[in-house]
């Protein structure tokens, strides 16, 4: 008896056995793909439902924030153009050059 032989080894399958295994593997892959599509659709619908629920629950908060906004905070500035920007002033420091 060979001590390196696998005791659980089976003889190779016949051609019919390999064809059946190939067909079953393909069917299982198709079923797995279909299941993943259904799971993705359920997750998407659940996300849309949650987003709608969250939007509905926060409507009073949004209304209160609009009412509490300072007057004139939104909208165009009357009387001309308004350019928003920032200015950076650099001062030369002679101590750094010594």
PDB file of N, CA and C in Angstrom:
ATOM      1  N   UNK A   1       0.841  -1.187   0.000  1.00  0.00           N
ATOM      2  CA  UNK A   1       0.000   0.000   0.000  1.00  0.00           C
ATOM      3  C   UNK A   1       0.885   1.248   0.000  1.00  0.00           C
ATOM      4  N   UNK A   2       0.500   2.235  -0.789  1.00  0.00           N
ATOM      5  CA  UNK A   2       1.258   3.473  -0.923  1.00  0.00           C
ATOM      6  C   UNK A   2       0.884   4.413   0.233  1.00  0.00           C
ATOM      7  N   UNK A   3       1.824   4.829   1.076  1.00  0.00           N
ATOM      8  CA  UNK A   3       1.483   5.710   2.201  1.00  0.00           C
ATOM      9  C   UNK A   3       1.142   7.134   1.754  1.00  0.00           C
ATOM     10  N   UNK A   4       1.494   7.518   0.526  1.00  0.00           N
ATOM     11  CA  UNK A   4       1.218   8.865   0.034  1.00  0.00           C
ATOM     12  C   UNK A   4      -0.076   8.950  -0.768  1.00  0.00           C
ATOM     13  N   UNK A   5      -0.741   7.866  -0.967  1.00  0.00           N
ATOM     14  CA  UNK A   5      -1.975   7.863  -1.753  1.00  0.00           C
ATOM     15  C   UNK A   5      -3.117   8.428  -0.915  1.00  0.00           C
ATOM     16  N   UNK A   6      -3.994   9.153  -1.556  1.00  0.00           N
ATOM     17  CA  UNK A   6      -5.158   9.719  -0.891  1.00  0.00           C
ATOM     18  C   UNK A   6      -6.205   8.625  -0.739  1.00  0.00           C
ATOM     19  N   UNK A   7      -6.601   8.291   0.495  1.00  0.00           N
ATOM     20  CA  UNK A   7      -7.577   7.212   0.663  1.00  0.00           C
ATOM     21  C   UNK A   7      -8.980   7.611   0.209  1.00  0.00           C
ATOM     22  N   UNK A   8      -9.230   8.905   0.061  1.00  0.00           N
ATOM     23  CA  UNK A   8     -10.559   9.362  -0.337  1.00  0.00           C
ATOM     24  C   UNK A   8     -10.652   9.685  -1.827  1.00  0.00           C
ATOM     25  N   UNK A   9      -9.627   9.388  -2.567  1.00  0.00           N
ATOM     26  CA  UNK A   9      -9.615   9.690  -3.998  1.00  0.00           C
ATOM     27  C   UNK A   9     -10.624   8.811  -4.721  1.00  0.00           C
ATOM     28  N   UNK A  10     -11.316   9.445  -5.696  1.00  0.00           N
ATOM     29  CA  UNK A  10     -12.291   8.704  -6.499  1.00  0.00           C
ATOM     30  C   UNK A  10     -11.744   8.557  -7.906  1.00  0.00           C
ATOM     31  N   UNK A  11     -12.225   7.583  -8.603  1.00  0.00           N
ATOM     32  CA  UNK A  11     -11.812   7.465 -10.002  1.00  0.00           C
ATOM     33  C   UNK A  11     -12.404   8.620 -10.813  1.00  0.00           C
ATOM     34  N   UNK A  12     -11.805   8.989 -11.918  1.00  0.00           N
ATOM     35  CA  UNK A  12     -12.327  10.090 -12.733  1.00  0.00           C
ATOM     36  C   UNK A  12     -13.757   9.806 -13.191  1.00  0.00           C
ATOM     37  N   UNK A  13     -14.535  10.914 -13.329  1.00  0.00           N
ATOM     38  CA  UNK A  13     -15.923  10.769 -13.759  1.00  0.00           C
ATOM     39  C   UNK A  13     -15.984  10.448 -15.246  1.00  0.00           C
ATOM     40  N   UNK A  14     -17.098   9.867 -15.596  1.00  0.00           N
ATOM     41  CA  UNK A  14     -17.326   9.572 -17.012  1.00  0.00           C
ATOM     42  C   UNK A  14     -17.731  10.865 -17.727  1.00  0.00           C
ATOM     43  N   UNK A  15     -17.844  10.798 -19.034  1.00  0.00           N
ATOM     44  CA  UNK A  15     -18.240  11.963 -19.822  1.00  0.00           C
ATOM     45  C   UNK A  15     -19.640  12.427 -19.425  1.00  0.00           C
ATOM     46  N   UNK A  16     -20.552  11.494 -19.214  1.00  0.00           N
ATOM     47  CA  UNK A  16     -21.923  11.859 -18.826  1.00  0.00           C
ATOM     48  C   UNK A  16     -21.924  12.546 -17.459  1.00  0.00           C
ATOM     49  N   UNK A  17     -21.106  12.053 -16.536  1.00  0.00           N
ATOM     50  CA  UNK A  17     -21.032  12.669 -15.210  1.00  0.00           C
ATOM     51  C   UNK A  17     -20.492  14.082 -15.275  1.00  0.00           C
ATOM     52  N   UNK A  18     -19.494  14.323 -16.125  1.00  0.00           N
ATOM     53  CA  UNK A  18     -18.943  15.668 -16.271  1.00  0.00           C
ATOM     54  C   UNK A  18     -19.950  16.612 -16.913  1.00  0.00           C
ATOM     55  N   UNK A  19     -20.731  16.116 -17.868  1.00  0.00           N
ATOM     56  CA  UNK A  19     -21.750  16.959 -18.515  1.00  0.00           C
ATOM     57  C   UNK A  19     -22.827  17.346 -17.509  1.00  0.00           C
ATOM     58  N   UNK A  20     -23.271  16.377 -16.708  1.00  0.00           N
ATOM     59  CA  UNK A  20     -24.290  16.666 -15.692  1.00  0.00           C
ATOM     60  C   UNK A  20     -23.741  17.668 -14.671  1.00  0.00           C
ATOM     61  N   UNK A  21     -22.493  17.502 -14.254  1.00  0.00           N
ATOM     62  CA  UNK A  21     -21.887  18.433 -13.305  1.00  0.00           C
ATOM     63  C   UNK A  21     -21.788  19.830 -13.911  1.00  0.00           C
ATOM     64  N   UNK A  22     -21.447  19.925 -15.196  1.00  0.00           N
ATOM     65  CA  UNK A  22     -21.357  21.217 -15.871  1.00  0.00           C
ATOM     66  C   UNK A  22     -22.724  21.897 -15.923  1.00  0.00           C
ATOM     67  N   UNK A  23     -23.760  21.149 -16.252  1.00  0.00           N
ATOM     68  CA  UNK A  23     -25.115  21.709 -16.339  1.00  0.00           C
ATOM     69  C   UNK A  23     -25.592  22.164 -14.961  1.00  0.00           C
ATOM     70  N   UNK A  24     -25.351  21.345 -13.939  1.00  0.00           N
ATOM     71  CA  UNK A  24     -25.770  21.722 -12.588  1.00  0.00           C
ATOM     72  C   UNK A  24     -25.008  22.955 -12.089  1.00  0.00           C
ATOM     73  N   UNK A  25     -23.743  23.041 -12.406  1.00  0.00           N
ATOM     74  CA  UNK A  25     -22.960  24.214 -12.014  1.00  0.00           C
ATOM     75  C   UNK A  25     -23.494  25.470 -12.695  1.00  0.00           C
ATOM     76  N   UNK A  26     -23.807  25.375 -13.981  1.00  0.00           N
ATOM     77  CA  UNK A  26     -24.379  26.514 -14.695  1.00  0.00           C
ATOM     78  C   UNK A  26     -25.719  26.928 -14.113  1.00  0.00           C
ATOM     79  N   UNK A  27     -26.561  25.947 -13.781  1.00  0.00           N
ATOM     80  CA  UNK A  27     -27.869  26.259 -13.200  1.00  0.00           C
ATOM     81  C   UNK A  27     -27.708  26.940 -11.842  1.00  0.00           C
ATOM     82  N   UNK A  28     -26.770  26.466 -11.036  1.00  0.00           N
ATOM     83  CA  UNK A  28     -26.542  27.094  -9.735  1.00  0.00           C
ATOM     84  C   UNK A  28     -26.006  28.517  -9.883  1.00  0.00           C
ATOM     85  N   UNK A  29     -25.152  28.748 -10.862  1.00  0.00           N
ATOM     86  CA  UNK A  29     -24.655  30.105 -11.096  1.00  0.00           C
ATOM     87  C   UNK A  29     -25.774  31.047 -11.536  1.00  0.00           C
ATOM     88  N   UNK A  30     -26.658  30.562 -12.400  1.00  0.00           N
ATOM     89  CA  UNK A  30     -27.791  31.379 -12.840  1.00  0.00           C
ATOM     90  C   UNK A  30     -28.703  31.693 -11.658  1.00  0.00           C
ATOM     91  N   UNK A  31     -28.976  30.705 -10.814  1.00  0.00           N
ATOM     92  CA  UNK A  31     -29.818  30.937  -9.641  1.00  0.00           C
ATOM     93  C   UNK A  31     -29.164  31.925  -8.672  1.00  0.00           C
ATOM     94  N   UNK A  32     -27.865  31.814  -8.486  1.00  0.00           N
ATOM     95  CA  UNK A  32     -27.167  32.744  -7.600  1.00  0.00           C
ATOM     96  C   UNK A  32     -27.225  34.164  -8.152  1.00  0.00           C
ATOM     97  N   UNK A  33     -27.074  34.319  -9.456  1.00  0.00           N
ATOM     98  CA  UNK A  33     -27.157  35.642 -10.076  1.00  0.00           C
ATOM     99  C   UNK A  33     -28.559  36.222  -9.923  1.00  0.00           C
ATOM    100  N   UNK A  34     -29.579  35.401 -10.138  1.00  0.00           N
ATOM    101  CA  UNK A  34     -30.957  35.866  -9.978  1.00  0.00           C
ATOM    102  C   UNK A  34     -31.223  36.283  -8.532  1.00  0.00           C
ATOM    103  N   UNK A  35     -30.729  35.501  -7.581  1.00  0.00           N
ATOM    104  CA  UNK A  35     -30.917  35.845  -6.176  1.00  0.00           C
ATOM    105  C   UNK A  35     -30.233  37.166  -5.846  1.00  0.00           C
ATOM    106  N   UNK A  36     -29.038  37.386  -6.385  1.00  0.00           N
ATOM    107  CA  UNK A  36     -28.335  38.636  -6.097  1.00  0.00           C
ATOM    108  C   UNK A  36     -29.077  39.830  -6.698  1.00  0.00           C
ATOM    109  N   UNK A  37     -29.673  39.657  -7.874  1.00  0.00           N
ATOM    110  CA  UNK A  37     -30.450  40.752  -8.460  1.00  0.00           C
ATOM    111  C   UNK A  37     -31.674  41.076  -7.612  1.00  0.00           C
ATOM    112  N   UNK A  38     -32.346  40.043  -7.122  1.00  0.00           N
ATOM    113  CA  UNK A  38     -33.516  40.264  -6.267  1.00  0.00           C
ATOM    114  C   UNK A  38     -33.088  40.939  -4.967  1.00  0.00           C
ATOM    115  N   UNK A  39     -31.988  40.487  -4.378  1.00  0.00           N
ATOM    116  CA  UNK A  39     -31.509  41.092  -3.136  1.00  0.00           C
ATOM    117  C   UNK A  39     -31.131  42.556  -3.360  1.00  0.00           C
ATOM    118  N   UNK A  40     -30.508  42.864  -4.488  1.00  0.00           N
ATOM    119  CA  UNK A  40     -30.147  44.245  -4.800  1.00  0.00           C
ATOM    120  C   UNK A  40     -31.398  45.109  -4.983  1.00  0.00           C
ATOM    121  N   UNK A  41     -32.409  44.579  -5.652  1.00  0.00           N
ATOM    122  CA  UNK A  41     -33.651  45.328  -5.844  1.00  0.00           C
ATOM    123  C   UNK A  41     -34.341  45.587  -4.505  1.00  0.00           C
ATOM    124  N   UNK A  42     -34.366  44.590  -3.637  1.00  0.00           N
ATOM    125  CA  UNK A  42     -34.985  44.765  -2.314  1.00  0.00           C
ATOM    126  C   UNK A  42     -34.223  45.820  -1.517  1.00  0.00           C
ATOM    127  N   UNK A  43     -32.900  45.797  -1.576  1.00  0.00           N
ATOM    128  CA  UNK A  43     -32.098  46.794  -0.863  1.00  0.00           C
ATOM    129  C   UNK A  43     -32.346  48.197  -1.422  1.00  0.00           C
ATOM    130  N   UNK A  44     -32.474  48.324  -2.738  1.00  0.00           N
ATOM    131  CA  UNK A  44     -32.725  49.635  -3.344  1.00  0.00           C
ATOM    132  C   UNK A  44     -34.093  50.173  -2.933  1.00  0.00           C
ATOM    133  N   UNK A  45     -35.103  49.320  -2.963  1.00  0.00           N
ATOM    134  CA  UNK A  45     -36.443  49.752  -2.554  1.00  0.00           C
ATOM    135  C   UNK A  45     -36.439  50.130  -1.078  1.00  0.00           C
ATOM    136  N   UNK A  46     -35.748  49.349  -0.264  1.00  0.00           N
ATOM    137  CA  UNK A  46     -35.649  49.683   1.158  1.00  0.00           C
ATOM    138  C   UNK A  46     -34.957  51.021   1.376  1.00  0.00           C
ATOM    139  N   UNK A  47     -33.918  51.299   0.605  1.00  0.00           N
ATOM    140  CA  UNK A  47     -33.227  52.580   0.716  1.00  0.00           C
ATOM    141  C   UNK A  47     -34.110  53.751   0.314  1.00  0.00           C
ATOM    142  N   UNK A  48     -34.891  53.577  -0.743  1.00  0.00           N
ATOM    143  CA  UNK A  48     -35.799  54.644  -1.177  1.00  0.00           C
ATOM    144  C   UNK A  48     -36.876  54.878  -0.125  1.00  0.00           C
ATOM    145  N   UNK A  49     -37.402  53.806   0.442  1.00  0.00           N
ATOM    146  CA  UNK A  49     -38.426  53.942   1.485  1.00  0.00           C
ATOM    147  C   UNK A  49     -37.841  54.648   2.708  1.00  0.00           C
ATOM    148  N   UNK A  50     -36.623  54.276   3.108  1.00  0.00           N
ATOM    149  CA  UNK A  50     -35.990  54.937   4.254  1.00  0.00           C
ATOM    150  C   UNK A  50     -35.742  56.412   3.970  1.00  0.00           C
ATOM    151  N   UNK A  51     -35.276  56.742   2.768  1.00  0.00           N
ATOM    152  CA  UNK A  51     -35.021  58.142   2.421  1.00  0.00           C
ATOM    153  C   UNK A  51     -36.316  58.951   2.447  1.00  0.00           C
ATOM    154  N   UNK A  52     -37.402  58.383   1.938  1.00  0.00           N
ATOM    155  CA  UNK A  52     -38.691  59.070   1.985  1.00  0.00           C
ATOM    156  C   UNK A  52     -39.177  59.272   3.407  1.00  0.00           C
ATOM    157  N   UNK A  53     -39.020  58.248   4.230  1.00  0.00           N
ATOM    158  CA  UNK A  53     -39.417  58.357   5.634  1.00  0.00           C
ATOM    159  C   UNK A  53     -38.593  59.430   6.339  1.00  0.00           C
ATOM    160  N   UNK A  54     -37.288  59.452   6.111  1.00  0.00           N
ATOM    161  CA  UNK A  54     -36.412  60.438   6.743  1.00  0.00           C
ATOM    162  C   UNK A  54     -36.752  61.850   6.271  1.00  0.00           C
ATOM    163  N   UNK A  55     -37.022  62.004   4.985  1.00  0.00           N
ATOM    164  CA  UNK A  55     -37.402  63.312   4.450  1.00  0.00           C
ATOM    165  C   UNK A  55     -38.702  63.780   5.101  1.00  0.00           C
ATOM    166  N   UNK A  56     -39.670  62.874   5.260  1.00  0.00           N
ATOM    167  CA  UNK A  56     -40.960  63.215   5.850  1.00  0.00           C
ATOM    168  C   UNK A  56     -40.800  63.596   7.322  1.00  0.00           C
ATOM    169  N   UNK A  57     -39.954  62.893   8.052  1.00  0.00           N
ATOM    170  CA  UNK A  57     -39.773  63.157   9.479  1.00  0.00           C
ATOM    171  C   UNK A  57     -39.007  64.454   9.735  1.00  0.00           C
ATOM    172  N   UNK A  58     -38.218  64.915   8.791  1.00  0.00           N
ATOM    173  CA  UNK A  58     -37.421  66.125   9.008  1.00  0.00           C
ATOM    174  C   UNK A  58     -38.043  67.364   8.378  1.00  0.00           C
ATOM    175  N   UNK A  59     -39.268  67.264   7.891  1.00  0.00           N
ATOM    176  CA  UNK A  59     -39.868  68.420   7.229  1.00  0.00           C
ATOM    177  C   UNK A  59     -40.111  69.563   8.214  1.00  0.00           C
ATOM    178  N   UNK A  60     -40.496  69.267   9.466  1.00  0.00           N
ATOM    179  CA  UNK A  60     -40.716  70.323  10.460  1.00  0.00           C
ATOM    180  C   UNK A  60     -39.396  71.020  10.793  1.00  0.00           C
ATOM    181  N   UNK A  61     -38.322  70.268  10.863  1.00  0.00           N
ATOM    182  CA  UNK A  61     -37.010  70.857  11.132  1.00  0.00           C
ATOM    183  C   UNK A  61     -36.588  71.782   9.990  1.00  0.00           C
ATOM    184  N   UNK A  62     -36.805  71.366   8.758  1.00  0.00           N
ATOM    185  CA  UNK A  62     -36.452  72.222   7.622  1.00  0.00           C
ATOM    186  C   UNK A  62     -37.281  73.504   7.621  1.00  0.00           C
ATOM    187  N   UNK A  63     -38.571  73.385   7.976  1.00  0.00           N
ATOM    188  CA  UNK A  63     -39.436  74.558   8.032  1.00  0.00           C
ATOM    189  C   UNK A  63     -38.959  75.518   9.121  1.00  0.00           C
ATOM    190  N   UNK A  64     -38.575  74.998  10.274  1.00  0.00           N
ATOM    191  CA  UNK A  64     -38.082  75.842  11.364  1.00  0.00           C
ATOM    192  C   UNK A  64     -36.765  76.507  10.984  1.00  0.00           C
ATOM    193  N   UNK A  65     -35.902  75.810  10.265  1.00  0.00           N
ATOM    194  CA  UNK A  65     -34.629  76.404   9.842  1.00  0.00           C
ATOM    195  C   UNK A  65     -34.855  77.529   8.839  1.00  0.00           C
ATOM    196  N   UNK A  66     -35.823  77.350   7.930  1.00  0.00           N
ATOM    197  CA  UNK A  66     -36.130  78.427   6.980  1.00  0.00           C
ATOM    198  C   UNK A  66     -36.700  79.638   7.705  1.00  0.00           C
ATOM    199  N   UNK A  67     -37.545  79.394   8.719  1.00  0.00           N
ATOM    200  CA  UNK A  67     -38.146  80.511   9.450  1.00  0.00           C
ATOM    201  C   UNK A  67     -37.109  81.233  10.303  1.00  0.00           C
ATOM    202  N   UNK A  68     -36.103  80.538  10.790  1.00  0.00           N
ATOM    203  CA  UNK A  68     -35.098  81.141  11.662  1.00  0.00           C
ATOM    204  C   UNK A  68     -33.953  81.779  10.891  1.00  0.00           C
ATOM    205  N   UNK A  69     -33.953  81.666   9.588  1.00  0.00           N
ATOM    206  CA  UNK A  69     -32.868  82.244   8.790  1.00  0.00           C
ATOM    207  C   UNK A  69     -32.915  83.761   8.896  1.00  0.00           C
ATOM    208  N   UNK A  70     -31.765  84.411   8.983  1.00  0.00           N
ATOM    209  CA  UNK A  70     -31.759  85.873   9.061  1.00  0.00           C
ATOM    210  C   UNK A  70     -32.357  86.492   7.797  1.00  0.00           C
ATOM    211  N   UNK A  71     -32.966  87.638   7.985  1.00  0.00           N
ATOM    212  CA  UNK A  71     -33.615  88.315   6.865  1.00  0.00           C
ATOM    213  C   UNK A  71     -32.544  88.759   5.880  1.00  0.00           C
ATOM    214  N   UNK A  72     -32.753  88.478   4.633  1.00  0.00           N
ATOM    215  CA  UNK A  72     -31.818  88.875   3.595  1.00  0.00           C
ATOM    216  C   UNK A  72     -30.630  87.944   3.457  1.00  0.00           C
ATOM    217  N   UNK A  73     -30.647  86.833   4.153  1.00  0.00           N
ATOM    218  CA  UNK A  73     -29.521  85.906   4.055  1.00  0.00           C
ATOM    219  C   UNK A  73     -29.489  85.223   2.696  1.00  0.00           C
ATOM    220  N   UNK A  74     -30.642  85.024   2.133  1.00  0.00           N
ATOM    221  CA  UNK A  74     -30.702  84.367   0.834  1.00  0.00           C
ATOM    222  C   UNK A  74     -31.203  85.365  -0.203  1.00  0.00           C
ATOM    223  N   UNK A  75     -30.786  85.182  -1.412  1.00  0.00           N
ATOM    224  CA  UNK A  75     -31.267  86.033  -2.481  1.00  0.00           C
ATOM    225  C   UNK A  75     -30.187  86.972  -2.974  1.00  0.00           C
ATOM    226  N   UNK A  76     -30.474  87.678  -4.044  1.00  0.00           N
ATOM    227  CA  UNK A  76     -29.473  88.567  -4.634  1.00  0.00           C
ATOM    228  C   UNK A  76     -29.250  89.807  -3.769  1.00  0.00           C
ATOM    229  N   UNK A  77     -28.068  90.369  -3.883  1.00  0.00           N
ATOM    230  CA  UNK A  77     -27.724  91.590  -3.158  1.00  0.00           C
ATOM    231  C   UNK A  77     -28.215  92.774  -3.985  1.00  0.00           C
ATOM    232  N   UNK A  78     -29.050  93.630  -3.404  1.00  0.00           N
ATOM    233  CA  UNK A  78     -29.550  94.768  -4.184  1.00  0.00           C
ATOM    234  C   UNK A  78     -28.474  95.841  -4.345  1.00  0.00           C
ATOM    235  N   UNK A  79     -28.517  96.503  -5.456  1.00  0.00           N
ATOM    236  CA  UNK A  79     -27.649  97.649  -5.665  1.00  0.00           C
ATOM    237  C   UNK A  79     -26.300  97.346  -6.271  1.00  0.00           C
ATOM    238  N   UNK A  80     -26.159  96.308  -7.025  1.00  0.00           N
ATOM    239  CA  UNK A  80     -24.899  96.102  -7.711  1.00  0.00           C
ATOM    240  C   UNK A  80     -24.354  94.698  -7.556  1.00  0.00           C
ATOM    241  N   UNK A  81     -23.119  94.579  -8.033  1.00  0.00           N
ATOM    242  CA  UNK A  81     -22.460  93.275  -7.985  1.00  0.00           C
ATOM    243  C   UNK A  81     -21.790  93.076  -6.635  1.00  0.00           C
ATOM    244  N   UNK A  82     -21.745  91.854  -6.229  1.00  0.00           N
ATOM    245  CA  UNK A  82     -21.085  91.502  -4.980  1.00  0.00           C
ATOM    246  C   UNK A  82     -20.105  90.387  -5.290  1.00  0.00           C
ATOM    247  N   UNK A  83     -18.844  90.648  -5.008  1.00  0.00           N
ATOM    248  CA  UNK A  83     -17.810  89.655  -5.269  1.00  0.00           C
ATOM    249  C   UNK A  83     -17.281  89.179  -3.925  1.00  0.00           C
ATOM    250  N   UNK A  84     -17.414  87.914  -3.686  1.00  0.00           N
ATOM    251  CA  UNK A  84     -16.948  87.340  -2.431  1.00  0.00           C
ATOM    252  C   UNK A  84     -15.550  86.794  -2.642  1.00  0.00           C
ATOM    253  N   UNK A  85     -14.682  87.043  -1.701  1.00  0.00           N
ATOM    254  CA  UNK A  85     -13.325  86.540  -1.817  1.00  0.00           C
ATOM    255  C   UNK A  85     -12.599  86.674  -0.498  1.00  0.00           C
ATOM    256  N   UNK A  86     -11.334  86.388  -0.538  1.00  0.00           N
ATOM    257  CA  UNK A  86     -10.528  86.543   0.664  1.00  0.00           C
ATOM    258  C   UNK A  86      -9.182  87.124   0.273  1.00  0.00           C
ATOM    259  N   UNK A  87      -8.544  87.723   1.234  1.00  0.00           N
ATOM    260  CA  UNK A  87      -7.281  88.395   0.992  1.00  0.00           C
ATOM    261  C   UNK A  87      -6.247  87.831   1.953  1.00  0.00           C
ATOM    262  N   UNK A  88      -5.064  87.575   1.448  1.00  0.00           N
ATOM    263  CA  UNK A  88      -3.960  87.098   2.269  1.00  0.00           C
ATOM    264  C   UNK A  88      -2.853  88.137   2.180  1.00  0.00           C
ATOM    265  N   UNK A  89      -2.391  88.594   3.322  1.00  0.00           N
ATOM    266  CA  UNK A  89      -1.340  89.608   3.358  1.00  0.00           C
ATOM    267  C   UNK A  89      -0.085  88.965   3.915  1.00  0.00           C
ATOM    268  N   UNK A  90       0.958  89.007   3.137  1.00  0.00           N
ATOM    269  CA  UNK A  90       2.227  88.458   3.577  1.00  0.00           C
ATOM    270  C   UNK A  90       3.164  89.610   3.911  1.00  0.00           C
ATOM    271  N   UNK A  91       3.747  89.520   5.081  1.00  0.00           N
ATOM    272  CA  UNK A  91       4.674  90.553   5.532  1.00  0.00           C
ATOM    273  C   UNK A  91       6.065  89.950   5.534  1.00  0.00           C
ATOM    274  N   UNK A  92       6.990  90.649   4.880  1.00  0.00           N
ATOM    275  CA  UNK A  92       8.368  90.160   4.839  1.00  0.00           C
ATOM    276  C   UNK A  92       8.987  90.317   6.215  1.00  0.00           C
ATOM    277  N   UNK A  93       9.568  89.260   6.715  1.00  0.00           N
ATOM    278  CA  UNK A  93      10.203  89.278   8.030  1.00  0.00           C
ATOM    279  C   UNK A  93      11.705  89.145   7.822  1.00  0.00           C
ATOM    280  N   UNK A  94      12.437  90.233   8.139  1.00  0.00           N
ATOM    281  CA  UNK A  94      13.886  90.231   7.927  1.00  0.00           C
ATOM    282  C   UNK A  94      14.604  89.282   8.869  1.00  0.00           C
ATOM    283  N   UNK A  95      13.987  88.928   9.970  1.00  0.00           N
ATOM    284  CA  UNK A  95      14.644  88.029  10.914  1.00  0.00           C
ATOM    285  C   UNK A  95      14.837  86.641  10.306  1.00  0.00           C
ATOM    286  N   UNK A  96      13.980  86.238   9.383  1.00  0.00           N
ATOM    287  CA  UNK A  96      14.089  84.917   8.780  1.00  0.00           C
ATOM    288  C   UNK A  96      15.262  84.830   7.808  1.00  0.00           C
ATOM    289  N   UNK A  97      15.688  85.972   7.269  1.00  0.00           N
ATOM    290  CA  UNK A  97      16.755  85.970   6.282  1.00  0.00           C
ATOM    291  C   UNK A  97      18.142  85.993   6.919  1.00  0.00           C
ATOM    292  N   UNK A  98      18.247  86.244   8.195  1.00  0.00           N
ATOM    293  CA  UNK A  98      19.556  86.346   8.854  1.00  0.00           C
ATOM    294  C   UNK A  98      20.082  85.020   9.263  1.00  0.00           C
TER     295      UNK A  98
END
